[in-house]
Every structure is written in C-alpha cells, then in structure tokens.
Amino acid sequence: MTASDNHHEREMRFHAAVRAALAERPPTGQIGTLGEKLLHATLKHYAEPDPACHEQILGRHHADAVNGSRISEVQTANFNRLRPRLEAWLSDYTVDILYPVAAIKYLRWIDPDSGETGPARRSPKRGRPGDIAIELTRIRAWLGDERVRIRILLLELEEYRLRDGYSRDGKRGSHRYERIPLSLVDEVVLHHPGDYLQLLPPLEQETFTSADVARAARRSQSQASLILRLLRELGQLEVIGKNGNSLIHRHTRF
C-alpha cells in the first residue's frame, strides 16, 4: 500500500468518525450544546470506531476508548491530566494519545447577544506538529516509551468563537465556543525517540540554534527551545557549541 493509499484510508475513516459523532447529537442539538464537544467525539470515533469500546472506567480513571490492551485517549489540552492516568494504566495497557492541531483553520465569530454567526474567514496561521511541544513537556517522563504513542492529527476545521472579549471588537480575550472538524490533512505518529524529529521544521543547515528553528517554523523562540530540549532529552540532538548565548545543535551521530 502506498503513502497515498494510506492517507486516503485515514481520510475515509476520519469522515466516518465525523458522521458518527454528528449522529450522537440530539435532533435539536446546536453547536456547543453537547457536554462532549464535536471535535473530541470525532477523534474518539477515529481512534476506535466501535462505540461499545467507548467511555470505559479503569480503576479510578475514565478512558475515552479501550480495545483489548490498547487505550485511546483524546487530549485537546492540558497534558498534566494524563500523568496520573499513565501512571495507573501503563502496567497493564498501551496508550494512544490523540492531539488535534489546526493545520487549516477558518474562524467564525458569534455575537453573544444576538447569536448571529459571521462568515468564515481563513486564519493565516498554519498549525504544525511542533505546536504540541508545550504539552509534551508535561509528560516528558513517558516520551519514547514503547507503551505510549502520540498521534498528532493535523486538521482542517472551523472554529467558532464568541465575540465576548475585552477589546472594542470583542476579539481579544474571547472564548472558543466549538471546533468543527472538516477534514484530516495528515497524521504524525510519535512512538520511538527518532519519531520526535518530526517536531522540527525543515532546516537547510546541518547545525542550528533555537532562533533558526523559530524562523523556519514561524513560531516563537521559546517554543523552538522547548522542541530542542525535548529532542536533546530523547537523544536525537546534541549541543556542539554556542553562538553568543544560543546553543548550537546538530543531529546525534552514533
């Protein structure tokens, strides 16, 4: 099977998951009315299509899906919540952690008084695998563990936000209302230590600093530094010197 075939198969499974998640909404349901958000429900169905495997209690913790010895857990933010679950589960189970990243995002603004929704406008920001870096630092003890697999889902989605912020137009400090998944752009799997090199953007040079990574990824230098630190801890990068206060990195040579 070619890479194209694999992607087509994943896309088909993703769209089936969207349909299954939508089917769970009550007939009068509107955006944001469910206790479980549509994006979370979609990723749960994508990870495990059999609804009989969903919403299982394992000991003191709730799992999104359990099939045999494999747990699938959807985490859209705050990986600190995963720490006690991983500690409890990994003696008996392997765990897939699914994390969505908006590779392509369309914003729709909702007037909080009238409920009127504005037209969709494409956001100029493109999500990248490295956007998960801050979350990975919270479970760094388990990164590269054979029992843990991180699945980054790069998605095209619509994000609905309430225009309830503190700025004049209500956008600054606004609250996200719902995210509607449209399509699966790609899936990046982090399992073995070498897989985590996918968090780096394409780099032309063999040696690089956090500033080089930030520039290539169009992200902050603090995020770039987090990525480099994780890759050093996983043994994938080494420091070979300094440029001023910046560490110079290259890929580890065995």
C-alpha atoms as a PDB file:
ATOM      1  CA  MET A   1       0.000   0.000   0.000  1.00  0.00           C
ATOM      2  CA  THR A   2       1.397   3.420  -0.977  1.00  0.00           C
ATOM      3  CA  ALA A   3       1.512   6.514   1.231  1.00  0.00           C
ATOM      4  CA  SER A   4      -1.302   7.960  -0.886  1.00  0.00           C
ATOM      5  CA  ASP A   5      -3.431   4.864  -0.254  1.00  0.00           C
ATOM      6  CA  ASN A   6      -2.730   5.108   3.479  1.00  0.00           C
ATOM      7  CA  HIS A   7      -3.765   8.759   3.542  1.00  0.00           C
ATOM      8  CA  HIS A   8      -6.955   8.015   1.598  1.00  0.00           C
ATOM      9  CA  GLU A   9      -7.824   5.248   4.043  1.00  0.00           C
ATOM     10  CA  ARG A  10      -7.251   7.570   7.014  1.00  0.00           C
ATOM     11  CA  GLU A  11      -9.375  10.258   5.376  1.00  0.00           C
ATOM     12  CA  MET A  12     -12.226   7.833   4.821  1.00  0.00           C
ATOM     13  CA  ARG A  13     -12.020   6.689   8.450  1.00  0.00           C
ATOM     14  CA  PHE A  14     -11.929  10.308   9.617  1.00  0.00           C
ATOM     15  CA  HIS A  15     -15.046  11.300   7.670  1.00  0.00           C
ATOM     16  CA  ALA A  16     -16.816   8.217   9.024  1.00  0.00           C
ATOM     17  CA  ALA A  17     -15.831   9.378  12.514  1.00  0.00           C
ATOM     18  CA  VAL A  18     -17.290  12.853  11.867  1.00  0.00           C
ATOM     19  CA  ARG A  19     -20.579  11.274  10.732  1.00  0.00           C
ATOM     20  CA  ALA A  20     -20.673   9.022  13.800  1.00  0.00           C
ATOM     21  CA  ALA A  21     -20.029  11.974  16.135  1.00  0.00           C
ATOM     22  CA  LEU A  22     -22.739  14.047  14.442  1.00  0.00           C
ATOM     23  CA  ALA A  23     -25.192  11.165  14.718  1.00  0.00           C
ATOM     24  CA  GLU A  24     -24.799  11.262  18.505  1.00  0.00           C
ATOM     25  CA  ARG A  25     -26.156  14.803  18.685  1.00  0.00           C
ATOM     26  CA  PRO A  26     -29.784  15.118  19.754  1.00  0.00           C
ATOM     27  CA  PRO A  27     -32.145  16.128  16.894  1.00  0.00           C
ATOM     28  CA  THR A  28     -32.441  19.666  18.236  1.00  0.00           C
ATOM     29  CA  GLY A  29     -28.751  19.938  19.065  1.00  0.00           C
ATOM     30  CA  GLN A  30     -26.891  23.070  18.081  1.00  0.00           C
ATOM     31  CA  ILE A  31     -23.204  23.883  18.031  1.00  0.00           C
ATOM     32  CA  GLY A  32     -21.789  23.703  21.523  1.00  0.00           C
ATOM     33  CA  THR A  33     -24.894  22.209  23.190  1.00  0.00           C
ATOM     34  CA  LEU A  34     -23.392  18.799  23.920  1.00  0.00           C
ATOM     35  CA  GLY A  35     -21.382  18.073  27.036  1.00  0.00           C
ATOM     36  CA  GLU A  36     -18.802  16.435  24.763  1.00  0.00           C
ATOM     37  CA  LYS A  37     -17.520  18.706  22.029  1.00  0.00           C
ATOM     38  CA  LEU A  38     -17.779  17.528  18.437  1.00  0.00           C
ATOM     39  CA  LEU A  39     -14.014  17.541  17.856  1.00  0.00           C
ATOM     40  CA  HIS A  40     -13.390  15.325  20.897  1.00  0.00           C
ATOM     41  CA  ALA A  41     -16.166  12.939  19.875  1.00  0.00           C
ATOM     42  CA  THR A  42     -14.830  12.759  16.317  1.00  0.00           C
ATOM     43  CA  LEU A  43     -11.309  11.865  17.413  1.00  0.00           C
ATOM     44  CA  LYS A  44     -12.678   9.228  19.777  1.00  0.00           C
ATOM     45  CA  HIS A  45     -14.566   7.576  16.902  1.00  0.00           C
ATOM     46  CA  TYR A  46     -11.492   7.904  14.682  1.00  0.00           C
ATOM     47  CA  ALA A  47      -9.299   6.156  17.230  1.00  0.00           C
ATOM     48  CA  GLU A  48     -11.864   3.453  17.966  1.00  0.00           C
ATOM     49  CA  PRO A  49     -14.833   3.038  15.577  1.00  0.00           C
ATOM     50  CA  ASP A  50     -16.635   0.527  17.840  1.00  0.00           C
ATOM     51  CA  PRO A  51     -18.849   2.560  20.224  1.00  0.00           C
ATOM     52  CA  ALA A  52     -19.030  -0.419  22.590  1.00  0.00           C
ATOM     53  CA  CYS A  53     -15.400   0.313  23.450  1.00  0.00           C
ATOM     54  CA  HIS A  54     -16.065   3.946  24.366  1.00  0.00           C
ATOM     55  CA  GLU A  55     -16.274   5.556  27.812  1.00  0.00           C
ATOM     56  CA  GLN A  56     -14.708   2.872  29.975  1.00  0.00           C
ATOM     57  CA  ILE A  57     -13.807   3.100  33.658  1.00  0.00           C
ATOM     58  CA  LEU A  58     -10.426   1.617  34.521  1.00  0.00           C
ATOM     59  CA  GLY A  59      -9.783   1.721  38.223  1.00  0.00           C
ATOM     60  CA  ARG A  60     -10.078   5.316  39.395  1.00  0.00           C
ATOM     61  CA  HIS A  61      -9.857   6.810  35.916  1.00  0.00           C
ATOM     62  CA  HIS A  62     -12.073   7.261  32.884  1.00  0.00           C
ATOM     63  CA  ALA A  63     -10.777   6.249  29.437  1.00  0.00           C
ATOM     64  CA  ASP A  64     -12.166   7.501  26.133  1.00  0.00           C
ATOM     65  CA  ALA A  65     -11.846   4.076  24.498  1.00  0.00           C
ATOM     66  CA  VAL A  66     -10.476   0.659  25.414  1.00  0.00           C
ATOM     67  CA  ASN A  67      -9.991  -2.208  22.981  1.00  0.00           C
ATOM     68  CA  GLY A  68      -8.167  -5.184  24.498  1.00  0.00           C
ATOM     69  CA  SER A  69      -4.905  -3.922  25.940  1.00  0.00           C
ATOM     70  CA  ARG A  70      -4.984  -0.654  23.951  1.00  0.00           C
ATOM     71  CA  ILE A  71      -6.360   2.565  25.438  1.00  0.00           C
ATOM     72  CA  SER A  72      -7.114   5.558  23.202  1.00  0.00           C
ATOM     73  CA  GLU A  73      -7.240   8.887  24.988  1.00  0.00           C
ATOM     74  CA  VAL A  74      -8.172  12.180  23.293  1.00  0.00           C
ATOM     75  CA  GLN A  75      -6.456  15.177  24.878  1.00  0.00           C
ATOM     76  CA  THR A  76      -7.035  18.584  23.319  1.00  0.00           C
ATOM     77  CA  ALA A  77      -5.112  20.484  26.017  1.00  0.00           C
ATOM     78  CA  ASN A  78      -3.507  20.237  29.462  1.00  0.00           C
ATOM     79  CA  PHE A  79      -1.465  17.024  29.338  1.00  0.00           C
ATOM     80  CA  ASN A  80      -0.980  17.343  33.102  1.00  0.00           C
ATOM     81  CA  ARG A  81      -4.277  15.473  33.373  1.00  0.00           C
ATOM     82  CA  LEU A  82      -2.657  12.475  31.702  1.00  0.00           C
ATOM     83  CA  ARG A  83       0.042  11.978  34.313  1.00  0.00           C
ATOM     84  CA  PRO A  84      -1.990  10.037  36.918  1.00  0.00           C
ATOM     85  CA  ARG A  85      -3.687   8.028  34.167  1.00  0.00           C
ATOM     86  CA  LEU A  86      -0.411   6.977  32.591  1.00  0.00           C
ATOM     87  CA  GLU A  87       0.959   6.018  35.985  1.00  0.00           C
ATOM     88  CA  ALA A  88      -2.116   3.863  36.624  1.00  0.00           C
ATOM     89  CA  TRP A  89      -2.561   2.315  33.186  1.00  0.00           C
ATOM     90  CA  LEU A  90       0.865   1.549  31.765  1.00  0.00           C
ATOM     91  CA  SER A  91       1.471  -1.540  33.874  1.00  0.00           C
ATOM     92  CA  ASP A  92      -1.374  -3.300  32.026  1.00  0.00           C
ATOM     93  CA  TYR A  93      -2.092  -1.289  28.863  1.00  0.00           C
ATOM     94  CA  THR A  94      -0.527   0.590  25.991  1.00  0.00           C
ATOM     95  CA  VAL A  95      -1.872   4.103  25.456  1.00  0.00           C
ATOM     96  CA  ASP A  96      -2.524   6.122  22.308  1.00  0.00           C
ATOM     97  CA  ILE A  97      -2.809   9.869  22.949  1.00  0.00           C
ATOM     98  CA  LEU A  98      -4.621  11.780  20.195  1.00  0.00           C
ATOM     99  CA  TYR A  99      -3.967  15.507  19.927  1.00  0.00           C
ATOM    100  CA  PRO A 100      -5.572  17.811  17.309  1.00  0.00           C
ATOM    101  CA  VAL A 101      -3.674  20.630  15.592  1.00  0.00           C
ATOM    102  CA  ALA A 102      -5.438  23.082  13.275  1.00  0.00           C
ATOM    103  CA  ALA A 103      -3.334  22.903  10.115  1.00  0.00           C
ATOM    104  CA  ILE A 104      -6.009  24.918   8.301  1.00  0.00           C
ATOM    105  CA  LYS A 105      -8.479  26.970  10.319  1.00  0.00           C
ATOM    106  CA  TYR A 106     -11.500  29.057   9.427  1.00  0.00           C
ATOM    107  CA  LEU A 107     -12.780  31.455  12.092  1.00  0.00           C
ATOM    108  CA  ARG A 108     -16.453  32.269  12.624  1.00  0.00           C
ATOM    109  CA  TRP A 109     -17.401  34.904  15.176  1.00  0.00           C
ATOM    110  CA  ILE A 110     -20.629  34.691  17.174  1.00  0.00           C
ATOM    111  CA  ASP A 111     -22.401  37.738  18.578  1.00  0.00           C
ATOM    112  CA  PRO A 112     -23.035  36.711  22.223  1.00  0.00           C
ATOM    113  CA  ASP A 113     -26.193  38.848  22.424  1.00  0.00           C
ATOM    114  CA  SER A 114     -27.979  38.027  19.159  1.00  0.00           C
ATOM    115  CA  GLY A 115     -26.391  34.632  18.475  1.00  0.00           C
ATOM    116  CA  GLU A 116     -25.698  35.748  14.907  1.00  0.00           C
ATOM    117  CA  THR A 117     -22.728  33.994  13.299  1.00  0.00           C
ATOM    118  CA  GLY A 118     -20.445  35.814  10.886  1.00  0.00           C
ATOM    119  CA  PRO A 119     -18.877  34.423   7.694  1.00  0.00           C
ATOM    120  CA  ALA A 120     -15.928  32.049   7.826  1.00  0.00           C
ATOM    121  CA  ARG A 121     -12.540  33.704   7.360  1.00  0.00           C
ATOM    122  CA  ARG A 122      -9.372  31.694   6.922  1.00  0.00           C
ATOM    123  CA  SER A 123      -6.763  32.188   9.614  1.00  0.00           C
ATOM    124  CA  PRO A 124      -3.262  32.981   8.285  1.00  0.00           C
ATOM    125  CA  LYS A 125      -1.690  30.750  10.947  1.00  0.00           C
ATOM    126  CA  ARG A 126      -0.995  27.121   9.988  1.00  0.00           C
ATOM    127  CA  GLY A 127      -0.660  24.594  12.765  1.00  0.00           C
ATOM    128  CA  ARG A 128       2.464  22.408  12.806  1.00  0.00           C
ATOM    129  CA  PRO A 129       3.419  19.203  14.659  1.00  0.00           C
ATOM    130  CA  GLY A 130       5.780  21.224  16.864  1.00  0.00           C
ATOM    131  CA  ASP A 131       2.791  23.056  18.355  1.00  0.00           C
ATOM    132  CA  ILE A 132       2.385  20.094  20.718  1.00  0.00           C
ATOM    133  CA  ALA A 133       5.766  20.823  22.371  1.00  0.00           C
ATOM    134  CA  ILE A 134       4.450  22.591  25.483  1.00  0.00           C
ATOM    135  CA  GLU A 135       2.087  19.696  26.183  1.00  0.00           C
ATOM    136  CA  LEU A 136       4.783  17.059  25.702  1.00  0.00           C
ATOM    137  CA  THR A 137       6.918  18.689  28.378  1.00  0.00           C
ATOM    138  CA  ARG A 138       4.191  17.767  30.874  1.00  0.00           C
ATOM    139  CA  ILE A 139       4.567  14.032  30.177  1.00  0.00           C
ATOM    140  CA  ARG A 140       8.271  14.023  29.297  1.00  0.00           C
ATOM    141  CA  ALA A 141       8.899  11.018  31.582  1.00  0.00           C
ATOM    142  CA  TRP A 142       6.968   8.798  29.156  1.00  0.00           C
ATOM    143  CA  LEU A 143       8.191  10.138  25.811  1.00  0.00           C
ATOM    144  CA  GLY A 144       9.824   7.423  23.724  1.00  0.00           C
ATOM    145  CA  ASP A 145       8.279   4.718  25.955  1.00  0.00           C
ATOM    146  CA  GLU A 146       7.206   1.738  23.831  1.00  0.00           C
ATOM    147  CA  ARG A 147       3.864   1.696  25.672  1.00  0.00           C
ATOM    148  CA  VAL A 148       2.969   5.278  24.709  1.00  0.00           C
ATOM    149  CA  ARG A 149       2.163   6.539  21.230  1.00  0.00           C
ATOM    150  CA  ILE A 150       1.383  10.189  20.437  1.00  0.00           C
ATOM    151  CA  ARG A 151      -0.873  10.715  17.417  1.00  0.00           C
ATOM    152  CA  ILE A 152      -0.954  14.329  16.173  1.00  0.00           C
ATOM    153  CA  LEU A 153      -3.966  14.892  13.926  1.00  0.00           C
ATOM    154  CA  LEU A 154      -3.391  17.823  11.558  1.00  0.00           C
ATOM    155  CA  LEU A 155      -6.874  19.001  10.695  1.00  0.00           C
ATOM    156  CA  GLU A 156      -8.842  21.408   8.584  1.00  0.00           C
ATOM    157  CA  LEU A 157     -11.517  22.829  10.864  1.00  0.00           C
ATOM    158  CA  GLU A 158     -13.893  25.665  11.584  1.00  0.00           C
ATOM    159  CA  GLU A 159     -13.529  27.413  14.919  1.00  0.00           C
ATOM    160  CA  TYR A 160     -16.483  29.269  16.386  1.00  0.00           C
ATOM    161  CA  ARG A 161     -15.616  31.989  18.898  1.00  0.00           C
ATOM    162  CA  LEU A 162     -17.823  34.257  20.989  1.00  0.00           C
ATOM    163  CA  ARG A 163     -17.145  37.944  20.424  1.00  0.00           C
ATOM    164  CA  ASP A 164     -17.081  38.469  24.195  1.00  0.00           C
ATOM    165  CA  GLY A 165     -13.540  39.717  24.756  1.00  0.00           C
ATOM    166  CA  TYR A 166     -12.319  42.908  26.383  1.00  0.00           C
ATOM    167  CA  SER A 167     -11.319  44.771  23.192  1.00  0.00           C
ATOM    168  CA  ARG A 168     -13.650  47.068  21.296  1.00  0.00           C
ATOM    169  CA  ASP A 169     -14.383  44.415  18.668  1.00  0.00           C
ATOM    170  CA  GLY A 170     -14.754  41.704  21.337  1.00  0.00           C
ATOM    171  CA  LYS A 171     -11.986  39.517  19.907  1.00  0.00           C
ATOM    172  CA  ARG A 172      -9.125  39.949  22.368  1.00  0.00           C
ATOM    173  CA  GLY A 173      -9.687  37.615  25.314  1.00  0.00           C
ATOM    174  CA  SER A 174     -12.625  35.951  23.553  1.00  0.00           C
ATOM    175  CA  HIS A 175     -13.802  32.415  24.370  1.00  0.00           C
ATOM    176  CA  ARG A 176     -13.781  29.471  21.997  1.00  0.00           C
ATOM    177  CA  TYR A 177     -17.260  28.008  21.590  1.00  0.00           C
ATOM    178  CA  GLU A 178     -16.803  24.987  19.338  1.00  0.00           C
ATOM    179  CA  ARG A 179     -14.474  23.464  16.733  1.00  0.00           C
ATOM    180  CA  ILE A 180     -15.991  21.658  13.772  1.00  0.00           C
ATOM    181  CA  PRO A 181     -13.658  19.174  12.032  1.00  0.00           C
ATOM    182  CA  LEU A 182     -13.808  19.319   8.232  1.00  0.00           C
ATOM    183  CA  SER A 183     -11.031  17.024   7.011  1.00  0.00           C
ATOM    184  CA  LEU A 184      -7.857  15.200   8.009  1.00  0.00           C
ATOM    185  CA  VAL A 185      -4.778  16.809   6.455  1.00  0.00           C
ATOM    186  CA  ASP A 186      -2.206  14.423   7.911  1.00  0.00           C
ATOM    187  CA  GLU A 187      -1.386  12.262  10.903  1.00  0.00           C
ATOM    188  CA  VAL A 188       2.015  12.375  12.599  1.00  0.00           C
ATOM    189  CA  VAL A 189       2.844   9.457  14.897  1.00  0.00           C
ATOM    190  CA  LEU A 190       5.436   9.810  17.668  1.00  0.00           C
ATOM    191  CA  HIS A 191       6.351   6.429  19.120  1.00  0.00           C
ATOM    192  CA  HIS A 192      10.089   5.777  19.038  1.00  0.00           C
ATOM    193  CA  PRO A 193      12.588   8.508  20.023  1.00  0.00           C
ATOM    194  CA  GLY A 194      13.586   9.159  16.398  1.00  0.00           C
ATOM    195  CA  ASP A 195       9.952   9.896  15.500  1.00  0.00           C
ATOM    196  CA  TYR A 196      10.106  13.083  17.558  1.00  0.00           C
ATOM    197  CA  LEU A 197      12.392  14.680  14.971  1.00  0.00           C
ATOM    198  CA  GLN A 198       9.143  15.333  13.075  1.00  0.00           C
ATOM    199  CA  LEU A 199       8.564  18.197  15.511  1.00  0.00           C
ATOM    200  CA  LEU A 200      11.340  20.129  13.760  1.00  0.00           C
ATOM    201  CA  PRO A 201      10.511  22.235  10.706  1.00  0.00           C
ATOM    202  CA  PRO A 202      12.557  21.598   7.534  1.00  0.00           C
ATOM    203  CA  LEU A 203      16.050  23.050   8.038  1.00  0.00           C
ATOM    204  CA  GLU A 204      18.634  23.572   5.305  1.00  0.00           C
ATOM    205  CA  GLN A 205      21.674  23.775   7.584  1.00  0.00           C
ATOM    206  CA  GLU A 206      23.252  20.872   9.486  1.00  0.00           C
ATOM    207  CA  THR A 207      23.735  22.927  12.644  1.00  0.00           C
ATOM    208  CA  PHE A 208      21.113  25.244  14.072  1.00  0.00           C
ATOM    209  CA  THR A 209      20.022  27.293  17.080  1.00  0.00           C
ATOM    210  CA  SER A 210      16.601  27.914  18.572  1.00  0.00           C
ATOM    211  CA  ALA A 211      16.437  31.132  16.538  1.00  0.00           C
ATOM    212  CA  ASP A 212      16.918  29.120  13.312  1.00  0.00           C
ATOM    213  CA  VAL A 213      14.146  26.701  14.301  1.00  0.00           C
ATOM    214  CA  ALA A 214      11.817  29.546  15.298  1.00  0.00           C
ATOM    215  CA  ARG A 215      12.395  31.293  11.990  1.00  0.00           C
ATOM    216  CA  ALA A 216      11.812  28.135   9.920  1.00  0.00           C
ATOM    217  CA  ALA A 217       8.677  27.205  11.875  1.00  0.00           C
ATOM    218  CA  ARG A 218       7.376  30.792  12.114  1.00  0.00           C
ATOM    219  CA  ARG A 219       6.944  30.288  15.831  1.00  0.00           C
ATOM    220  CA  SER A 220       8.315  31.881  18.986  1.00  0.00           C
ATOM    221  CA  GLN A 221      11.846  31.184  20.102  1.00  0.00           C
ATOM    222  CA  SER A 222      10.516  29.847  23.396  1.00  0.00           C
ATOM    223  CA  GLN A 223       8.561  27.152  21.546  1.00  0.00           C
ATOM    224  CA  ALA A 224      11.618  26.331  19.443  1.00  0.00           C
ATOM    225  CA  SER A 225      13.704  25.998  22.614  1.00  0.00           C
ATOM    226  CA  LEU A 226      11.159  23.543  24.051  1.00  0.00           C
ATOM    227  CA  ILE A 227      11.370  21.377  20.933  1.00  0.00           C
ATOM    228  CA  LEU A 228      15.162  21.354  21.030  1.00  0.00           C
ATOM    229  CA  ARG A 229      15.209  20.496  24.728  1.00  0.00           C
ATOM    230  CA  LEU A 230      12.830  17.557  24.197  1.00  0.00           C
ATOM    231  CA  LEU A 231      14.945  16.247  21.336  1.00  0.00           C
ATOM    232  CA  ARG A 232      18.107  16.522  23.420  1.00  0.00           C
ATOM    233  CA  GLU A 233      16.451  14.579  26.239  1.00  0.00           C
ATOM    234  CA  LEU A 234      15.391  11.909  23.727  1.00  0.00           C
ATOM    235  CA  GLY A 235      18.978  11.624  22.482  1.00  0.00           C
ATOM    236  CA  GLN A 236      18.183  12.899  18.981  1.00  0.00           C
ATOM    237  CA  LEU A 237      20.153  16.160  19.124  1.00  0.00           C
ATOM    238  CA  GLU A 238      23.445  17.153  20.675  1.00  0.00           C
ATOM    239  CA  VAL A 239      24.971  20.524  21.544  1.00  0.00           C
ATOM    240  CA  ILE A 240      28.285  21.207  19.809  1.00  0.00           C
ATOM    241  CA  GLY A 241      28.911  24.783  20.887  1.00  0.00           C
ATOM    242  CA  LYS A 242      27.455  28.213  21.439  1.00  0.00           C
ATOM    243  CA  ASN A 243      26.804  31.298  19.365  1.00  0.00           C
ATOM    244  CA  GLY A 244      26.684  34.028  21.969  1.00  0.00           C
ATOM    245  CA  ASN A 245      24.075  32.758  24.435  1.00  0.00           C
ATOM    246  CA  SER A 246      22.483  30.384  21.904  1.00  0.00           C
ATOM    247  CA  LEU A 247      23.240  26.667  21.912  1.00  0.00           C
ATOM    248  CA  ILE A 248      24.278  25.223  18.552  1.00  0.00           C
ATOM    249  CA  HIS A 249      22.653  21.853  17.816  1.00  0.00           C
ATOM    250  CA  ARG A 250      23.101  19.050  15.338  1.00  0.00           C
ATOM    251  CA  HIS A 251      21.601  15.603  14.910  1.00  0.00           C
ATOM    252  CA  THR A 252      23.178  12.980  17.159  1.00  0.00           C
ATOM    253  CA  ARG A 253      25.775  10.900  15.368  1.00  0.00           C
ATOM    254  CA  PHE A 254      26.017   7.303  16.549  1.00  0.00           C
END
